[in-house]
PDB file of all heavy atoms in Angstrom:
ATOM      1  N   TRP A   1       0.809  -1.222   0.000  1.00  0.00           N
ATOM      2  CA  TRP A   1       0.000   0.000   0.000  1.00  0.00           C
ATOM      3  C   TRP A   1       0.840   1.269   0.000  1.00  0.00           C
ATOM      4  O   TRP A   1       0.381   2.322  -0.466  1.00  0.00           O
ATOM      5  CB  TRP A   1      -0.934  -0.017   1.210  1.00  0.00           C
ATOM      6  CG  TRP A   1      -1.935  -1.130   1.126  1.00  0.00           C
ATOM      7  CD1 TRP A   1      -1.866  -2.337   1.739  1.00  0.00           C
ATOM      8  CD2 TRP A   1      -3.118  -1.140   0.333  1.00  0.00           C
ATOM      9  NE1 TRP A   1      -2.949  -3.118   1.400  1.00  0.00           N
ATOM     10  CE2 TRP A   1      -3.731  -2.398   0.534  1.00  0.00           C
ATOM     11  CE3 TRP A   1      -3.722  -0.232  -0.516  1.00  0.00           C
ATOM     12  CZ2 TRP A   1      -4.921  -2.755  -0.091  1.00  0.00           C
ATOM     13  CZ3 TRP A   1      -4.911  -0.571  -1.133  1.00  0.00           C
ATOM     14  CH2 TRP A   1      -5.495  -1.829  -0.925  1.00  0.00           C
ATOM     15  N   ASN A   2       2.056   1.192   0.521  1.00  0.00           N
ATOM     16  CA  ASN A   2       2.883   2.399   0.582  1.00  0.00           C
ATOM     17  C   ASN A   2       3.326   2.884  -0.797  1.00  0.00           C
ATOM     18  O   ASN A   2       3.845   3.988  -0.948  1.00  0.00           O
ATOM     19  CB  ASN A   2       4.109   2.170   1.472  1.00  0.00           C
ATOM     20  CG  ASN A   2       4.982   1.027   0.986  1.00  0.00           C
ATOM     21  OD1 ASN A   2       4.524   0.161   0.255  1.00  0.00           O
ATOM     22  ND2 ASN A   2       6.243   1.019   1.396  1.00  0.00           N
ATOM     23  N   LYS A   3       3.080   2.069  -1.822  1.00  0.00           N
ATOM     24  CA  LYS A   3       3.429   2.466  -3.178  1.00  0.00           C
ATOM     25  C   LYS A   3       2.340   3.338  -3.828  1.00  0.00           C
ATOM     26  O   LYS A   3       2.548   3.886  -4.910  1.00  0.00           O
ATOM     27  CB  LYS A   3       3.666   1.225  -4.054  1.00  0.00           C
ATOM     28  CG  LYS A   3       4.928   0.451  -3.699  1.00  0.00           C
ATOM     29  CD  LYS A   3       5.142  -0.685  -4.697  1.00  0.00           C
ATOM     30  CE  LYS A   3       6.449  -1.429  -4.404  1.00  0.00           C
ATOM     31  NZ  LYS A   3       6.670  -2.530  -5.383  1.00  0.00           N
ATOM     32  N   TYR A   4       1.188   3.414  -3.152  1.00  0.00           N
ATOM     33  CA  TYR A   4       0.061   4.130  -3.738  1.00  0.00           C
ATOM     34  C   TYR A   4      -0.316   5.327  -2.869  1.00  0.00           C
ATOM     35  O   TYR A   4      -0.340   5.235  -1.644  1.00  0.00           O
ATOM     36  CB  TYR A   4      -1.155   3.212  -3.886  1.00  0.00           C
ATOM     37  CG  TYR A   4      -0.866   1.979  -4.715  1.00  0.00           C
ATOM     38  CD1 TYR A   4      -0.525   0.770  -4.099  1.00  0.00           C
ATOM     39  CD2 TYR A   4      -0.910   2.020  -6.104  1.00  0.00           C
ATOM     40  CE1 TYR A   4      -0.248  -0.362  -4.853  1.00  0.00           C
ATOM     41  CE2 TYR A   4      -0.641   0.891  -6.861  1.00  0.00           C
ATOM     42  CZ  TYR A   4      -0.310  -0.299  -6.230  1.00  0.00           C
ATOM     43  OH  TYR A   4      -0.035  -1.413  -6.984  1.00  0.00           O
ATOM     44  N   SER A   5      -0.608   6.421  -3.517  1.00  0.00           N
ATOM     45  CA  SER A   5      -1.067   7.603  -2.774  1.00  0.00           C
ATOM     46  C   SER A   5      -2.578   7.536  -2.609  1.00  0.00           C
ATOM     47  O   SER A   5      -3.288   6.983  -3.461  1.00  0.00           O
ATOM     48  CB  SER A   5      -0.690   8.883  -3.517  1.00  0.00           C
ATOM     49  OG  SER A   5      -1.413   8.988  -4.731  1.00  0.00           O
ATOM     50  N   ARG A   6      -3.057   8.115  -1.539  1.00  0.00           N
ATOM     51  CA  ARG A   6      -4.508   8.123  -1.307  1.00  0.00           C
ATOM     52  C   ARG A   6      -5.251   8.886  -2.402  1.00  0.00           C
ATOM     53  O   ARG A   6      -6.362   8.522  -2.794  1.00  0.00           O
ATOM     54  CB  ARG A   6      -4.827   8.778   0.039  1.00  0.00           C
ATOM     55  CG  ARG A   6      -4.473   7.937   1.235  1.00  0.00           C
ATOM     56  CD  ARG A   6      -5.138   8.490   2.468  1.00  0.00           C
ATOM     57  NE  ARG A   6      -4.686   9.844   2.780  1.00  0.00           N
ATOM     58  CZ  ARG A   6      -5.418  10.755   3.394  1.00  0.00           C
ATOM     59  NH1 ARG A   6      -6.651  10.475   3.730  1.00  0.00           N
ATOM     60  NH2 ARG A   6      -4.936  11.959   3.672  1.00  0.00           N
ATOM     61  N   GLU A   7      -4.628   9.960  -2.875  1.00  0.00           N
ATOM     62  CA  GLU A   7      -5.285  10.801  -3.879  1.00  0.00           C
ATOM     63  C   GLU A   7      -5.553  10.056  -5.185  1.00  0.00           C
ATOM     64  O   GLU A   7      -6.526  10.334  -5.890  1.00  0.00           O
ATOM     65  CB  GLU A   7      -4.443  12.045  -4.174  1.00  0.00           C
ATOM     66  CG  GLU A   7      -4.425  13.084  -3.059  1.00  0.00           C
ATOM     67  CD  GLU A   7      -3.431  12.751  -1.958  1.00  0.00           C
ATOM     68  OE1 GLU A   7      -2.769  11.686  -2.053  1.00  0.00           O
ATOM     69  OE2 GLU A   7      -3.307  13.533  -1.012  1.00  0.00           O
ATOM     70  N   LYS A   8      -4.675   9.097  -5.520  1.00  0.00           N
ATOM     71  CA  LYS A   8      -4.816   8.380  -6.788  1.00  0.00           C
ATOM     72  C   LYS A   8      -4.909   6.872  -6.552  1.00  0.00           C
ATOM     73  O   LYS A   8      -4.315   6.075  -7.293  1.00  0.00           O
ATOM     74  CB  LYS A   8      -3.640   8.713  -7.698  1.00  0.00           C
ATOM     75  CG  LYS A   8      -3.577  10.183  -8.083  1.00  0.00           C
ATOM     76  CD  LYS A   8      -2.393  10.475  -8.999  1.00  0.00           C
ATOM     77  CE  LYS A   8      -2.340  11.937  -9.384  1.00  0.00           C
ATOM     78  NZ  LYS A   8      -1.197  12.246 -10.285  1.00  0.00           N
ATOM     79  N   LEU A   9      -5.671   6.501  -5.554  1.00  0.00           N
ATOM     80  CA  LEU A   9      -5.832   5.092  -5.215  1.00  0.00           C
ATOM     81  C   LEU A   9      -6.552   4.376  -6.358  1.00  0.00           C
ATOM     82  O   LEU A   9      -7.685   4.722  -6.695  1.00  0.00           O
ATOM     83  CB  LEU A   9      -6.644   4.988  -3.918  1.00  0.00           C
ATOM     84  CG  LEU A   9      -6.541   3.685  -3.121  1.00  0.00           C
ATOM     85  CD1 LEU A   9      -5.105   3.429  -2.683  1.00  0.00           C
ATOM     86  CD2 LEU A   9      -7.456   3.754  -1.904  1.00  0.00           C
ATOM     87  N   PRO A  10      -5.928   3.362  -6.985  1.00  0.00           N
ATOM     88  CA  PRO A  10      -6.527   2.743  -8.167  1.00  0.00           C
ATOM     89  C   PRO A  10      -7.502   1.606  -7.854  1.00  0.00           C
ATOM     90  O   PRO A  10      -7.986   0.943  -8.778  1.00  0.00           O
ATOM     91  CB  PRO A  10      -5.303   2.201  -8.911  1.00  0.00           C
ATOM     92  CG  PRO A  10      -4.352   1.834  -7.820  1.00  0.00           C
ATOM     93  CD  PRO A  10      -4.562   2.839  -6.722  1.00  0.00           C
ATOM     94  N   PHE A  11      -7.772   1.366  -6.584  1.00  0.00           N
ATOM     95  CA  PHE A  11      -8.582   0.224  -6.194  1.00  0.00           C
ATOM     96  C   PHE A  11      -9.994   0.659  -5.753  1.00  0.00           C
ATOM     97  O   PHE A  11     -10.205   1.782  -5.300  1.00  0.00           O
ATOM     98  CB  PHE A  11      -7.933  -0.528  -5.034  1.00  0.00           C
ATOM     99  CG  PHE A  11      -6.509  -0.919  -5.292  1.00  0.00           C
ATOM    100  CD1 PHE A  11      -5.464  -0.252  -4.666  1.00  0.00           C
ATOM    101  CD2 PHE A  11      -6.206  -1.954  -6.174  1.00  0.00           C
ATOM    102  CE1 PHE A  11      -4.148  -0.599  -4.901  1.00  0.00           C
ATOM    103  CE2 PHE A  11      -4.884  -2.318  -6.418  1.00  0.00           C
ATOM    104  CZ  PHE A  11      -3.852  -1.636  -5.787  1.00  0.00           C
ATOM    105  N   THR A  12     -10.933  -0.284  -5.899  1.00  0.00           N
ATOM    106  CA  THR A  12     -12.256  -0.130  -5.297  1.00  0.00           C
ATOM    107  C   THR A  12     -12.465  -1.262  -4.304  1.00  0.00           C
ATOM    108  O   THR A  12     -11.819  -2.315  -4.407  1.00  0.00           O
ATOM    109  CB  THR A  12     -13.372  -0.151  -6.357  1.00  0.00           C
ATOM    110  OG1 THR A  12     -13.260  -1.361  -7.126  1.00  0.00           O
ATOM    111  CG2 THR A  12     -13.271   1.051  -7.278  1.00  0.00           C
ATOM    112  N   PHE A  13     -13.367  -1.047  -3.363  1.00  0.00           N
ATOM    113  CA  PHE A  13     -13.529  -1.989  -2.260  1.00  0.00           C
ATOM    114  C   PHE A  13     -15.005  -2.327  -2.050  1.00  0.00           C
ATOM    115  O   PHE A  13     -15.872  -1.462  -2.145  1.00  0.00           O
ATOM    116  CB  PHE A  13     -12.967  -1.383  -0.970  1.00  0.00           C
ATOM    117  CG  PHE A  13     -11.538  -0.952  -1.068  1.00  0.00           C
ATOM    118  CD1 PHE A  13     -11.197   0.292  -1.590  1.00  0.00           C
ATOM    119  CD2 PHE A  13     -10.510  -1.797  -0.658  1.00  0.00           C
ATOM    120  CE1 PHE A  13      -9.875   0.702  -1.681  1.00  0.00           C
ATOM    121  CE2 PHE A  13      -9.183  -1.399  -0.742  1.00  0.00           C
ATOM    122  CZ  PHE A  13      -8.867  -0.148  -1.258  1.00  0.00           C
ATOM    123  N   LYS A  14     -15.253  -3.610  -1.746  1.00  0.00           N
ATOM    124  CA  LYS A  14     -16.601  -4.073  -1.414  1.00  0.00           C
ATOM    125  C   LYS A  14     -16.523  -4.999  -0.204  1.00  0.00           C
ATOM    126  O   LYS A  14     -15.682  -5.904  -0.174  1.00  0.00           O
ATOM    127  CB  LYS A  14     -17.243  -4.821  -2.582  1.00  0.00           C
ATOM    128  CG  LYS A  14     -17.497  -3.971  -3.819  1.00  0.00           C
ATOM    129  CD  LYS A  14     -18.186  -4.780  -4.907  1.00  0.00           C
ATOM    130  CE  LYS A  14     -18.446  -3.922  -6.137  1.00  0.00           C
ATOM    131  NZ  LYS A  14     -19.174  -4.686  -7.199  1.00  0.00           N
ATOM    132  N   GLN A  15     -17.407  -4.768   0.750  1.00  0.00           N
ATOM    133  CA  GLN A  15     -17.476  -5.657   1.906  1.00  0.00           C
ATOM    134  C   GLN A  15     -18.598  -6.669   1.677  1.00  0.00           C
ATOM    135  O   GLN A  15     -19.740  -6.300   1.420  1.00  0.00           O
ATOM    136  CB  GLN A  15     -17.734  -4.878   3.194  1.00  0.00           C
ATOM    137  CG  GLN A  15     -17.638  -5.742   4.447  1.00  0.00           C
ATOM    138  CD  GLN A  15     -17.801  -4.924   5.715  1.00  0.00           C
ATOM    139  OE1 GLN A  15     -18.640  -4.049   5.789  1.00  0.00           O
ATOM    140  NE2 GLN A  15     -16.991  -5.232   6.727  1.00  0.00           N
ATOM    141  N   GLY A  16     -18.247  -7.951   1.755  1.00  0.00           N
ATOM    142  CA  GLY A  16     -19.206  -9.002   1.469  1.00  0.00           C
ATOM    143  C   GLY A  16     -20.285  -9.154   2.523  1.00  0.00           C
ATOM    144  O   GLY A  16     -20.205  -8.595   3.623  1.00  0.00           O
ATOM    145  N   SER A  17     -21.306  -9.911   2.187  1.00  0.00           N
ATOM    146  CA  SER A  17     -22.411 -10.174   3.109  1.00  0.00           C
ATOM    147  C   SER A  17     -21.920 -10.925   4.340  1.00  0.00           C
ATOM    148  O   SER A  17     -20.955 -11.682   4.282  1.00  0.00           O
ATOM    149  CB  SER A  17     -23.477 -11.022   2.401  1.00  0.00           C
ATOM    150  OG  SER A  17     -23.929 -10.402   1.225  1.00  0.00           O
ATOM    151  N   GLY A  18     -22.609 -10.719   5.444  1.00  0.00           N
ATOM    152  CA  GLY A  18     -22.252 -11.466   6.643  1.00  0.00           C
ATOM    153  C   GLY A  18     -22.375 -10.643   7.906  1.00  0.00           C
ATOM    154  O   GLY A  18     -22.742  -9.465   7.871  1.00  0.00           O
ATOM    155  N   GLU A  19     -22.039 -11.293   9.018  1.00  0.00           N
ATOM    156  CA  GLU A  19     -22.219 -10.661  10.322  1.00  0.00           C
ATOM    157  C   GLU A  19     -21.407  -9.380  10.484  1.00  0.00           C
ATOM    158  O   GLU A  19     -21.822  -8.456  11.145  1.00  0.00           O
ATOM    159  CB  GLU A  19     -21.840 -11.653  11.436  1.00  0.00           C
ATOM    160  CG  GLU A  19     -22.788 -12.828  11.576  1.00  0.00           C
ATOM    161  CD  GLU A  19     -24.189 -12.401  11.979  1.00  0.00           C
ATOM    162  OE1 GLU A  19     -24.314 -11.411  12.725  1.00  0.00           O
ATOM    163  OE2 GLU A  19     -25.156 -13.050  11.542  1.00  0.00           O
ATOM    164  N   GLY A  20     -20.224  -9.335   9.897  1.00  0.00           N
ATOM    165  CA  GLY A  20     -19.372  -8.169  10.101  1.00  0.00           C
ATOM    166  C   GLY A  20     -19.658  -7.011   9.170  1.00  0.00           C
ATOM    167  O   GLY A  20     -19.026  -5.957   9.286  1.00  0.00           O
ATOM    168  N   ASN A  21     -20.593  -7.191   8.251  1.00  0.00           N
ATOM    169  CA  ASN A  21     -20.884  -6.141   7.277  1.00  0.00           C
ATOM    170  C   ASN A  21     -21.397  -4.886   7.970  1.00  0.00           C
ATOM    171  O   ASN A  21     -22.269  -4.945   8.836  1.00  0.00           O
ATOM    172  CB  ASN A  21     -21.906  -6.641   6.257  1.00  0.00           C
ATOM    173  CG  ASN A  21     -22.084  -5.671   5.105  1.00  0.00           C
ATOM    174  OD1 ASN A  21     -22.726  -4.655   5.239  1.00  0.00           O
ATOM    175  ND2 ASN A  21     -21.494  -6.024   3.970  1.00  0.00           N
ATOM    176  N   ALA A  22     -20.847  -3.737   7.572  1.00  0.00           N
ATOM    177  CA  ALA A  22     -21.211  -2.473   8.215  1.00  0.00           C
ATOM    178  C   ALA A  22     -22.680  -2.135   8.021  1.00  0.00           C
ATOM    179  O   ALA A  22     -23.259  -1.370   8.808  1.00  0.00           O
ATOM    180  CB  ALA A  22     -20.340  -1.352   7.657  1.00  0.00           C
ATOM    181  N   LEU A  23     -23.324  -2.691   6.990  1.00  0.00           N
ATOM    182  CA  LEU A  23     -24.738  -2.414   6.732  1.00  0.00           C
ATOM    183  C   LEU A  23     -25.657  -3.383   7.454  1.00  0.00           C
ATOM    184  O   LEU A  23     -26.886  -3.283   7.330  1.00  0.00           O
ATOM    185  CB  LEU A  23     -25.030  -2.474   5.225  1.00  0.00           C
ATOM    186  CG  LEU A  23     -24.170  -1.589   4.318  1.00  0.00           C
ATOM    187  CD1 LEU A  23     -24.662  -1.682   2.890  1.00  0.00           C
ATOM    188  CD2 LEU A  23     -24.175  -0.150   4.793  1.00  0.00           C
ATOM    189  N   GLY A  24     -25.076  -4.328   8.199  1.00  0.00           N
ATOM    190  CA  GLY A  24     -25.897  -5.300   8.901  1.00  0.00           C
ATOM    191  C   GLY A  24     -26.544  -6.267   7.932  1.00  0.00           C
ATOM    192  O   GLY A  24     -25.947  -6.681   6.928  1.00  0.00           O
ATOM    193  N   LYS A  25     -27.812  -6.594   8.185  1.00  0.00           N
ATOM    194  CA  LYS A  25     -28.499  -7.600   7.374  1.00  0.00           C
ATOM    195  C   LYS A  25     -29.512  -7.014   6.390  1.00  0.00           C
ATOM    196  O   LYS A  25     -30.039  -7.737   5.553  1.00  0.00           O
ATOM    197  CB  LYS A  25     -29.220  -8.597   8.291  1.00  0.00           C
ATOM    198  CG  LYS A  25     -28.269  -9.384   9.189  1.00  0.00           C
ATOM    199  CD  LYS A  25     -29.040 -10.330  10.090  1.00  0.00           C
ATOM    200  CE  LYS A  25     -28.082 -11.133  10.989  1.00  0.00           C
ATOM    201  NZ  LYS A  25     -28.803 -12.053  11.892  1.00  0.00           N
ATOM    202  N   PHE A  26     -29.778  -5.697   6.506  1.00  0.00           N
ATOM    203  CA  PHE A  26     -30.817  -5.104   5.668  1.00  0.00           C
ATOM    204  C   PHE A  26     -30.385  -3.744   5.135  1.00  0.00           C
ATOM    205  O   PHE A  26     -29.804  -2.933   5.856  1.00  0.00           O
ATOM    206  CB  PHE A  26     -32.122  -4.922   6.451  1.00  0.00           C
ATOM    207  CG  PHE A  26     -32.685  -6.174   7.039  1.00  0.00           C
ATOM    208  CD1 PHE A  26     -32.412  -6.515   8.358  1.00  0.00           C
ATOM    209  CD2 PHE A  26     -33.479  -7.017   6.286  1.00  0.00           C
ATOM    210  CE1 PHE A  26     -32.926  -7.668   8.919  1.00  0.00           C
ATOM    211  CE2 PHE A  26     -33.997  -8.184   6.841  1.00  0.00           C
ATOM    212  CZ  PHE A  26     -33.726  -8.509   8.157  1.00  0.00           C
ATOM    213  N   LYS A  27     -30.713  -3.539   3.878  1.00  0.00           N
ATOM    214  CA  LYS A  27     -30.475  -2.250   3.232  1.00  0.00           C
ATOM    215  C   LYS A  27     -31.753  -1.859   2.503  1.00  0.00           C
ATOM    216  O   LYS A  27     -32.259  -2.622   1.667  1.00  0.00           O
ATOM    217  CB  LYS A  27     -29.305  -2.375   2.250  1.00  0.00           C
ATOM    218  CG  LYS A  27     -28.976  -1.128   1.456  1.00  0.00           C
ATOM    219  CD  LYS A  27     -27.803  -1.425   0.512  1.00  0.00           C
ATOM    220  CE  LYS A  27     -27.466  -0.262  -0.383  1.00  0.00           C
ATOM    221  NZ  LYS A  27     -26.364  -0.586  -1.327  1.00  0.00           N
ATOM    222  N   PHE A  28     -32.284  -0.681   2.820  1.00  0.00           N
ATOM    223  CA  PHE A  28     -33.555  -0.220   2.254  1.00  0.00           C
ATOM    224  C   PHE A  28     -33.256   0.905   1.261  1.00  0.00           C
ATOM    225  O   PHE A  28     -32.733   1.956   1.632  1.00  0.00           O
ATOM    226  CB  PHE A  28     -34.490   0.245   3.361  1.00  0.00           C
ATOM    227  CG  PHE A  28     -34.749  -0.823   4.394  1.00  0.00           C
ATOM    228  CD1 PHE A  28     -33.996  -0.889   5.554  1.00  0.00           C
ATOM    229  CD2 PHE A  28     -35.737  -1.774   4.189  1.00  0.00           C
ATOM    230  CE1 PHE A  28     -34.218  -1.882   6.504  1.00  0.00           C
ATOM    231  CE2 PHE A  28     -35.974  -2.778   5.132  1.00  0.00           C
ATOM    232  CZ  PHE A  28     -35.207  -2.825   6.290  1.00  0.00           C
ATOM    233  N   ILE A  29     -33.594   0.656   0.011  1.00  0.00           N
ATOM    234  CA  ILE A  29     -33.079   1.468  -1.089  1.00  0.00           C
ATOM    235  C   ILE A  29     -34.163   2.361  -1.695  1.00  0.00           C
ATOM    236  O   ILE A  29     -35.314   1.954  -1.861  1.00  0.00           O
ATOM    237  CB  ILE A  29     -32.478   0.552  -2.166  1.00  0.00           C
ATOM    238  CG1 ILE A  29     -31.356  -0.308  -1.555  1.00  0.00           C
ATOM    239  CG2 ILE A  29     -31.941   1.349  -3.347  1.00  0.00           C
ATOM    240  CD1 ILE A  29     -30.890  -1.430  -2.456  1.00  0.00           C
ATOM    241  N   PHE A  30     -33.764   3.588  -2.038  1.00  0.00           N
ATOM    242  CA  PHE A  30     -34.635   4.535  -2.739  1.00  0.00           C
ATOM    243  C   PHE A  30     -33.747   5.395  -3.629  1.00  0.00           C
ATOM    244  O   PHE A  30     -32.565   5.616  -3.338  1.00  0.00           O
ATOM    245  CB  PHE A  30     -35.424   5.408  -1.764  1.00  0.00           C
ATOM    246  CG  PHE A  30     -34.591   5.970  -0.638  1.00  0.00           C
ATOM    247  CD1 PHE A  30     -33.916   7.168  -0.768  1.00  0.00           C
ATOM    248  CD2 PHE A  30     -34.488   5.281   0.569  1.00  0.00           C
ATOM    249  CE1 PHE A  30     -33.150   7.679   0.269  1.00  0.00           C
ATOM    250  CE2 PHE A  30     -33.724   5.781   1.621  1.00  0.00           C
ATOM    251  CZ  PHE A  30     -33.055   6.989   1.465  1.00  0.00           C
ATOM    252  N   ASP A  31     -34.301   5.885  -4.716  1.00  0.00           N
ATOM    253  CA  ASP A  31     -33.525   6.686  -5.662  1.00  0.00           C
ATOM    254  C   ASP A  31     -33.152   8.032  -5.045  1.00  0.00           C
ATOM    255  O   ASP A  31     -34.001   8.732  -4.481  1.00  0.00           O
ATOM    256  CB  ASP A  31     -34.325   6.940  -6.944  1.00  0.00           C
ATOM    257  CG  ASP A  31     -34.522   5.668  -7.757  1.00  0.00           C
ATOM    258  OD1 ASP A  31     -33.698   4.752  -7.616  1.00  0.00           O
ATOM    259  OD2 ASP A  31     -35.501   5.600  -8.527  1.00  0.00           O
ATOM    260  N   ASN A  32     -31.879   8.387  -5.154  1.00  0.00           N
ATOM    261  CA  ASN A  32     -31.411   9.720  -4.779  1.00  0.00           C
ATOM    262  C   ASN A  32     -30.016   9.910  -5.331  1.00  0.00           C
ATOM    263  O   ASN A  32     -29.327   8.947  -5.649  1.00  0.00           O
ATOM    264  CB  ASN A  32     -31.438   9.920  -3.261  1.00  0.00           C
ATOM    265  CG  ASN A  32     -30.443   9.067  -2.516  1.00  0.00           C
ATOM    266  OD1 ASN A  32     -29.342   9.496  -2.199  1.00  0.00           O
ATOM    267  ND2 ASN A  32     -30.825   7.808  -2.218  1.00  0.00           N
ATOM    268  N   SER A  33     -29.602  11.150  -5.442  1.00  0.00           N
ATOM    269  CA  SER A  33     -28.323  11.474  -6.079  1.00  0.00           C
ATOM    270  C   SER A  33     -27.139  11.373  -5.135  1.00  0.00           C
ATOM    271  O   SER A  33     -25.998  11.560  -5.562  1.00  0.00           O
ATOM    272  CB  SER A  33     -28.386  12.901  -6.653  1.00  0.00           C
ATOM    273  OG  SER A  33     -28.628  13.845  -5.618  1.00  0.00           O
ATOM    274  N   SER A  34     -27.379  11.066  -3.851  1.00  0.00           N
ATOM    275  CA  SER A  34     -26.299  11.074  -2.863  1.00  0.00           C
ATOM    276  C   SER A  34     -25.908   9.678  -2.380  1.00  0.00           C
ATOM    277  O   SER A  34     -25.104   9.559  -1.451  1.00  0.00           O
ATOM    278  CB  SER A  34     -26.723  11.911  -1.655  1.00  0.00           C
ATOM    279  OG  SER A  34     -27.080  13.208  -2.050  1.00  0.00           O
ATOM    280  N   SER A  35     -26.481   8.646  -3.005  1.00  0.00           N
ATOM    281  CA  SER A  35     -26.216   7.250  -2.586  1.00  0.00           C
ATOM    282  C   SER A  35     -26.538   7.044  -1.108  1.00  0.00           C
ATOM    283  O   SER A  35     -25.825   6.346  -0.386  1.00  0.00           O
ATOM    284  CB  SER A  35     -24.745   6.877  -2.864  1.00  0.00           C
ATOM    285  OG  SER A  35     -24.459   6.969  -4.239  1.00  0.00           O
ATOM    286  N   ILE A  36     -27.616   7.675  -0.659  1.00  0.00           N
ATOM    287  CA  ILE A  36     -28.083   7.541   0.720  1.00  0.00           C
ATOM    288  C   ILE A  36     -29.140   6.440   0.776  1.00  0.00           C
ATOM    289  O   ILE A  36     -29.950   6.287  -0.138  1.00  0.00           O
ATOM    290  CB  ILE A  36     -28.672   8.875   1.226  1.00  0.00           C
ATOM    291  CG1 ILE A  36     -27.584   9.943   1.262  1.00  0.00           C
ATOM    292  CG2 ILE A  36     -29.304   8.705   2.607  1.00  0.00           C
ATOM    293  CD1 ILE A  36     -26.463   9.674   2.237  1.00  0.00           C
ATOM    294  N   TYR A  37     -29.131   5.660   1.863  1.00  0.00           N
ATOM    295  CA  TYR A  37     -30.147   4.634   2.074  1.00  0.00           C
ATOM    296  C   TYR A  37     -30.311   4.421   3.568  1.00  0.00           C
ATOM    297  O   TYR A  37     -29.517   4.928   4.383  1.00  0.00           O
ATOM    298  CB  TYR A  37     -29.776   3.319   1.368  1.00  0.00           C
ATOM    299  CG  TYR A  37     -28.314   2.962   1.459  1.00  0.00           C
ATOM    300  CD1 TYR A  37     -27.786   2.316   2.584  1.00  0.00           C
ATOM    301  CD2 TYR A  37     -27.435   3.277   0.416  1.00  0.00           C
ATOM    302  CE1 TYR A  37     -26.443   1.998   2.672  1.00  0.00           C
ATOM    303  CE2 TYR A  37     -26.084   2.963   0.500  1.00  0.00           C
ATOM    304  CZ  TYR A  37     -25.594   2.322   1.629  1.00  0.00           C
ATOM    305  OH  TYR A  37     -24.261   2.023   1.714  1.00  0.00           O
ATOM    306  N   LEU A  38     -31.347   3.693   3.949  1.00  0.00           N
ATOM    307  CA  LEU A  38     -31.545   3.281   5.333  1.00  0.00           C
ATOM    308  C   LEU A  38     -31.010   1.870   5.467  1.00  0.00           C
ATOM    309  O   LEU A  38     -31.147   1.056   4.534  1.00  0.00           O
ATOM    310  CB  LEU A  38     -33.031   3.314   5.700  1.00  0.00           C
ATOM    311  CG  LEU A  38     -33.620   4.658   6.181  1.00  0.00           C
ATOM    312  CD1 LEU A  38     -33.461   5.738   5.134  1.00  0.00           C
ATOM    313  CD2 LEU A  38     -35.095   4.493   6.557  1.00  0.00           C
ATOM    314  N   HIS A  39     -30.397   1.562   6.610  1.00  0.00           N
ATOM    315  CA  HIS A  39     -29.837   0.214   6.737  1.00  0.00           C
ATOM    316  C   HIS A  39     -29.706  -0.212   8.195  1.00  0.00           C
ATOM    317  O   HIS A  39     -29.761   0.591   9.131  1.00  0.00           O
ATOM    318  CB  HIS A  39     -28.465   0.151   6.039  1.00  0.00           C
ATOM    319  CG  HIS A  39     -27.400   0.996   6.672  1.00  0.00           C
ATOM    320  ND1 HIS A  39     -26.578   0.536   7.685  1.00  0.00           N
ATOM    321  CD2 HIS A  39     -27.000   2.263   6.423  1.00  0.00           C
ATOM    322  CE1 HIS A  39     -25.728   1.477   8.033  1.00  0.00           C
ATOM    323  NE2 HIS A  39     -25.960   2.545   7.288  1.00  0.00           N
ATOM    324  N   ASP A  40     -29.531  -1.484   8.352  1.00  0.00           N
ATOM    325  CA  ASP A  40     -29.219  -2.122   9.631  1.00  0.00           C
ATOM    326  C   ASP A  40     -27.762  -1.781   9.982  1.00  0.00           C
ATOM    327  O   ASP A  40     -27.040  -1.165   9.186  1.00  0.00           O
ATOM    328  CB  ASP A  40     -29.412  -3.632   9.440  1.00  0.00           C
ATOM    329  CG  ASP A  40     -29.186  -4.441  10.699  1.00  0.00           C
ATOM    330  OD1 ASP A  40     -29.198  -3.860  11.801  1.00  0.00           O
ATOM    331  OD2 ASP A  40     -28.984  -5.662  10.574  1.00  0.00           O
ATOM    332  N   THR A  41     -27.310  -2.175  11.137  1.00  0.00           N
ATOM    333  CA  THR A  41     -25.915  -1.988  11.508  1.00  0.00           C
ATOM    334  C   THR A  41     -25.506  -3.062  12.507  1.00  0.00           C
ATOM    335  O   THR A  41     -26.343  -3.567  13.265  1.00  0.00           O
ATOM    336  CB  THR A  41     -25.677  -0.594  12.123  1.00  0.00           C
ATOM    337  OG1 THR A  41     -24.308  -0.476  12.535  1.00  0.00           O
ATOM    338  CG2 THR A  41     -26.562  -0.375  13.337  1.00  0.00           C
ATOM    339  N   ASN A  42     -24.228  -3.428  12.492  1.00  0.00           N
ATOM    340  CA  ASN A  42     -23.737  -4.368  13.509  1.00  0.00           C
ATOM    341  C   ASN A  42     -23.239  -3.632  14.748  1.00  0.00           C
ATOM    342  O   ASN A  42     -22.797  -4.254  15.702  1.00  0.00           O
ATOM    343  CB  ASN A  42     -22.631  -5.255  12.928  1.00  0.00           C
ATOM    344  CG  ASN A  42     -21.530  -4.450  12.236  1.00  0.00           C
ATOM    345  OD1 ASN A  42     -21.144  -3.391  12.710  1.00  0.00           O
ATOM    346  ND2 ASN A  42     -21.057  -4.958  11.096  1.00  0.00           N
ATOM    347  N   ASN A  43     -23.310  -2.302  14.721  1.00  0.00           N
ATOM    348  CA  ASN A  43     -22.929  -1.491  15.874  1.00  0.00           C
ATOM    349  C   ASN A  43     -24.192  -0.999  16.588  1.00  0.00           C
ATOM    350  O   ASN A  43     -24.623   0.140  16.409  1.00  0.00           O
ATOM    351  CB  ASN A  43     -22.070  -0.307  15.423  1.00  0.00           C
ATOM    352  CG  ASN A  43     -21.662   0.588  16.579  1.00  0.00           C
ATOM    353  OD1 ASN A  43     -21.737   0.192  17.749  1.00  0.00           O
ATOM    354  ND2 ASN A  43     -21.246   1.808  16.259  1.00  0.00           N
TER     355      ASN A  43
END
């Protein structure tokens, strides 16, 4: 990772389904321009 700068990070990241997922078990989706949704949480 030290070879890459944060400003030009070439990677994308996805957290898979499961208990540790930051969105919990449910994500409630509606159209909007800000990628906002309602969701569960493991916290």
